N, C-alpha and C. Protein backbone atom coordinates (compact mmCIF):
# COMPACT_ATOMS: atom_id res chain seq x y z
N UNK A 1 18.97 15.86 -27.10
CA UNK A 1 18.06 14.99 -26.38
C UNK A 1 18.69 14.51 -25.07
N UNK A 2 19.94 14.11 -25.16
CA UNK A 2 20.65 13.63 -23.98
C UNK A 2 20.82 14.75 -22.96
N UNK A 3 21.05 15.96 -23.46
CA UNK A 3 21.19 17.12 -22.57
C UNK A 3 19.90 17.37 -21.80
N UNK A 4 18.75 17.26 -22.47
CA UNK A 4 17.46 17.47 -21.82
C UNK A 4 17.18 16.38 -20.78
N UNK A 5 17.54 15.16 -21.13
CA UNK A 5 17.35 14.05 -20.19
C UNK A 5 18.19 14.26 -18.94
N UNK A 6 19.42 14.73 -19.11
CA UNK A 6 20.30 15.00 -17.98
C UNK A 6 19.72 16.10 -17.10
N UNK A 7 19.23 17.16 -17.71
CA UNK A 7 18.66 18.28 -16.95
C UNK A 7 17.44 17.83 -16.16
N UNK A 8 16.56 17.07 -16.79
CA UNK A 8 15.35 16.57 -16.10
C UNK A 8 15.74 15.63 -14.96
N UNK A 9 16.69 14.73 -15.20
CA UNK A 9 17.13 13.79 -14.16
C UNK A 9 17.75 14.54 -13.00
N UNK A 10 18.60 15.50 -13.29
CA UNK A 10 19.25 16.27 -12.23
C UNK A 10 18.22 17.04 -11.41
N UNK A 11 17.24 17.64 -12.08
CA UNK A 11 16.20 18.39 -11.38
C UNK A 11 15.38 17.48 -10.47
N UNK A 12 14.99 16.31 -10.96
CA UNK A 12 14.20 15.39 -10.14
C UNK A 12 14.99 14.90 -8.93
N UNK A 13 16.25 14.56 -9.12
CA UNK A 13 17.07 14.10 -8.00
C UNK A 13 17.26 15.20 -6.97
N UNK A 14 17.43 16.43 -7.41
CA UNK A 14 17.58 17.56 -6.50
C UNK A 14 16.30 17.77 -5.69
N UNK A 15 15.16 17.70 -6.34
CA UNK A 15 13.88 17.88 -5.65
C UNK A 15 13.67 16.77 -4.63
N UNK A 16 13.97 15.52 -5.00
CA UNK A 16 13.79 14.41 -4.06
C UNK A 16 14.69 14.56 -2.85
N UNK A 17 15.91 15.01 -3.02
CA UNK A 17 16.81 15.19 -1.89
C UNK A 17 16.38 16.32 -0.98
N UNK A 18 15.83 17.38 -1.54
CA UNK A 18 15.39 18.52 -0.74
C UNK A 18 14.18 18.16 0.11
N UNK A 19 13.23 17.41 -0.43
CA UNK A 19 12.00 17.12 0.26
C UNK A 19 11.98 15.79 1.02
N UNK A 20 13.02 15.01 0.94
CA UNK A 20 13.02 13.72 1.63
C UNK A 20 13.26 13.93 3.13
N UNK A 21 12.71 13.02 3.93
CA UNK A 21 12.88 13.05 5.38
C UNK A 21 13.45 11.72 5.81
N UNK A 22 14.18 11.75 6.90
CA UNK A 22 14.70 10.50 7.43
C UNK A 22 13.59 9.77 8.18
N UNK A 23 13.77 8.49 8.38
CA UNK A 23 12.78 7.70 9.13
C UNK A 23 12.67 8.23 10.55
N UNK A 24 13.79 8.64 11.14
CA UNK A 24 13.75 9.18 12.50
C UNK A 24 12.91 10.45 12.58
N UNK A 25 13.03 11.32 11.58
CA UNK A 25 12.25 12.56 11.56
C UNK A 25 10.76 12.27 11.40
N UNK A 26 10.41 11.32 10.55
CA UNK A 26 9.01 10.96 10.35
C UNK A 26 8.43 10.41 11.65
N UNK A 27 9.18 9.52 12.32
CA UNK A 27 8.73 8.94 13.58
C UNK A 27 8.60 10.01 14.66
N UNK A 28 9.56 10.91 14.73
CA UNK A 28 9.52 12.01 15.70
C UNK A 28 8.29 12.89 15.50
N UNK A 29 8.00 13.23 14.25
CA UNK A 29 6.82 14.05 13.95
C UNK A 29 5.53 13.32 14.28
N UNK A 30 5.49 12.01 14.01
CA UNK A 30 4.29 11.22 14.31
C UNK A 30 4.05 11.17 15.83
N UNK A 31 5.11 10.91 16.60
CA UNK A 31 4.96 10.86 18.05
C UNK A 31 4.48 12.20 18.60
N UNK A 32 4.99 13.29 18.05
CA UNK A 32 4.55 14.61 18.49
C UNK A 32 3.08 14.84 18.15
N UNK A 33 2.65 14.37 16.99
CA UNK A 33 1.27 14.56 16.55
C UNK A 33 0.28 13.79 17.42
N UNK A 34 0.67 12.64 17.98
CA UNK A 34 -0.25 11.85 18.79
C UNK A 34 -0.12 12.13 20.29
N UNK A 35 0.67 13.13 20.65
CA UNK A 35 0.73 13.52 22.06
C UNK A 35 2.04 13.23 22.75
N UNK A 36 3.01 12.71 22.05
CA UNK A 36 4.33 12.49 22.63
C UNK A 36 4.55 11.05 23.06
N UNK A 37 5.83 10.76 23.35
CA UNK A 37 6.23 9.40 23.72
C UNK A 37 5.59 8.98 25.05
N UNK A 38 5.47 9.91 26.00
CA UNK A 38 4.87 9.59 27.29
C UNK A 38 3.41 9.17 27.12
N UNK A 39 2.70 9.86 26.27
CA UNK A 39 1.30 9.51 26.00
C UNK A 39 1.20 8.10 25.43
N UNK A 40 2.10 7.77 24.52
CA UNK A 40 2.10 6.44 23.90
C UNK A 40 2.43 5.36 24.93
N UNK A 41 3.37 5.64 25.83
CA UNK A 41 3.74 4.66 26.85
C UNK A 41 2.62 4.41 27.85
N UNK A 42 1.76 5.40 28.07
CA UNK A 42 0.64 5.26 29.02
C UNK A 42 -0.62 4.70 28.38
N UNK A 43 -0.58 4.42 27.10
CA UNK A 43 -1.73 3.88 26.37
C UNK A 43 -2.06 2.48 26.87
N UNK A 44 -3.32 2.24 27.21
CA UNK A 44 -3.72 0.93 27.73
C UNK A 44 -4.68 0.18 26.82
N UNK A 45 -5.43 0.88 25.98
CA UNK A 45 -6.43 0.23 25.13
C UNK A 45 -6.33 0.74 23.70
N UNK A 46 -6.40 -0.19 22.76
CA UNK A 46 -6.43 0.15 21.33
C UNK A 46 -7.65 -0.53 20.72
N UNK A 47 -8.46 0.23 20.01
CA UNK A 47 -9.63 -0.33 19.33
C UNK A 47 -9.49 -0.04 17.84
N UNK A 48 -9.56 -1.08 17.04
CA UNK A 48 -9.47 -0.95 15.59
C UNK A 48 -10.77 -1.47 14.99
N UNK A 49 -11.35 -0.72 14.09
CA UNK A 49 -12.57 -1.20 13.45
C UNK A 49 -12.46 -0.99 11.95
N UNK A 50 -13.13 -1.87 11.22
CA UNK A 50 -13.07 -1.78 9.77
C UNK A 50 -14.03 -2.76 9.14
N UNK A 51 -13.83 -3.00 7.87
CA UNK A 51 -14.68 -3.92 7.13
C UNK A 51 -13.81 -5.00 6.52
N UNK A 52 -14.37 -6.18 6.42
CA UNK A 52 -13.69 -7.29 5.77
C UNK A 52 -14.64 -7.89 4.75
N UNK A 53 -14.09 -8.67 3.85
CA UNK A 53 -14.93 -9.28 2.82
C UNK A 53 -14.50 -10.72 2.60
N UNK A 54 -15.49 -11.60 2.52
CA UNK A 54 -15.21 -13.00 2.23
C UNK A 54 -16.34 -13.52 1.37
N UNK A 55 -16.02 -14.19 0.30
CA UNK A 55 -16.99 -14.77 -0.63
C UNK A 55 -17.98 -13.71 -1.13
N UNK A 56 -17.49 -12.48 -1.32
CA UNK A 56 -18.32 -11.41 -1.84
C UNK A 56 -19.23 -10.76 -0.82
N UNK A 57 -19.15 -11.18 0.45
CA UNK A 57 -20.00 -10.61 1.51
C UNK A 57 -19.12 -9.73 2.40
N UNK A 58 -19.52 -8.48 2.55
CA UNK A 58 -18.78 -7.54 3.38
C UNK A 58 -19.38 -7.51 4.78
N UNK A 59 -18.53 -7.49 5.81
CA UNK A 59 -19.01 -7.47 7.19
C UNK A 59 -18.07 -6.65 8.06
N UNK A 60 -18.63 -6.02 9.13
CA UNK A 60 -17.80 -5.21 10.02
C UNK A 60 -16.99 -6.07 10.99
N UNK A 61 -15.79 -5.58 11.31
CA UNK A 61 -14.89 -6.26 12.24
C UNK A 61 -14.36 -5.22 13.23
N UNK A 62 -14.34 -5.57 14.52
CA UNK A 62 -13.77 -4.72 15.55
C UNK A 62 -12.78 -5.55 16.36
N UNK A 63 -11.58 -5.02 16.54
CA UNK A 63 -10.56 -5.68 17.34
C UNK A 63 -10.19 -4.76 18.49
N UNK A 64 -10.26 -5.26 19.71
CA UNK A 64 -9.94 -4.48 20.90
C UNK A 64 -8.78 -5.15 21.63
N UNK A 65 -7.73 -4.38 21.92
CA UNK A 65 -6.60 -4.89 22.67
C UNK A 65 -6.41 -4.04 23.91
N UNK A 66 -6.28 -4.70 25.06
CA UNK A 66 -6.11 -4.00 26.32
C UNK A 66 -4.86 -4.53 27.01
N UNK A 67 -4.07 -3.62 27.57
CA UNK A 67 -2.82 -4.01 28.24
C UNK A 67 -3.15 -4.81 29.49
N UNK A 68 -2.36 -5.75 29.90
CA UNK A 68 -1.09 -6.13 29.32
C UNK A 68 -1.23 -7.19 28.23
N UNK A 69 -2.24 -8.07 28.27
CA UNK A 69 -2.29 -9.12 27.25
C UNK A 69 -3.71 -9.61 26.99
N UNK A 70 -4.66 -8.70 26.96
CA UNK A 70 -6.04 -9.09 26.71
C UNK A 70 -6.47 -8.54 25.35
N UNK A 71 -7.26 -9.33 24.62
CA UNK A 71 -7.80 -8.85 23.36
C UNK A 71 -9.04 -9.65 23.00
N UNK A 72 -9.89 -9.02 22.19
CA UNK A 72 -11.03 -9.74 21.64
C UNK A 72 -11.36 -9.19 20.26
N UNK A 73 -12.01 -10.00 19.46
CA UNK A 73 -12.38 -9.64 18.11
C UNK A 73 -13.88 -9.86 17.92
N UNK A 74 -14.56 -8.86 17.40
CA UNK A 74 -15.99 -8.97 17.09
C UNK A 74 -16.14 -9.01 15.57
N UNK A 75 -16.89 -10.00 15.10
CA UNK A 75 -17.16 -10.12 13.68
C UNK A 75 -18.66 -10.33 13.53
N UNK A 76 -19.33 -9.46 12.78
CA UNK A 76 -20.77 -9.58 12.59
C UNK A 76 -21.03 -10.09 11.18
N UNK A 77 -21.61 -11.29 11.10
CA UNK A 77 -21.94 -11.87 9.80
C UNK A 77 -23.40 -12.36 9.82
N UNK A 78 -23.98 -12.42 8.64
CA UNK A 78 -25.35 -12.91 8.56
C UNK A 78 -25.31 -14.43 8.62
N UNK A 79 -26.32 -15.02 9.20
CA UNK A 79 -26.34 -16.47 9.22
C UNK A 79 -27.17 -16.94 10.30
């Protein structure tokens, strides 16, 4: 039983080490996927939209941020 546990543990640790990535590699791949560091530095506007819930009522929320320091939030609720 102990031998099987050792074999399973060793196999799992080996698999995790083979497939793990460093934080730098993950960040590098993400920057490449969104167009590169230059593209990110030239970004001027970010718009985030989603849903929120309060007291069992769900409502849409939009947050807009514009460089250098402007932002606004839209919340649509019944009332």
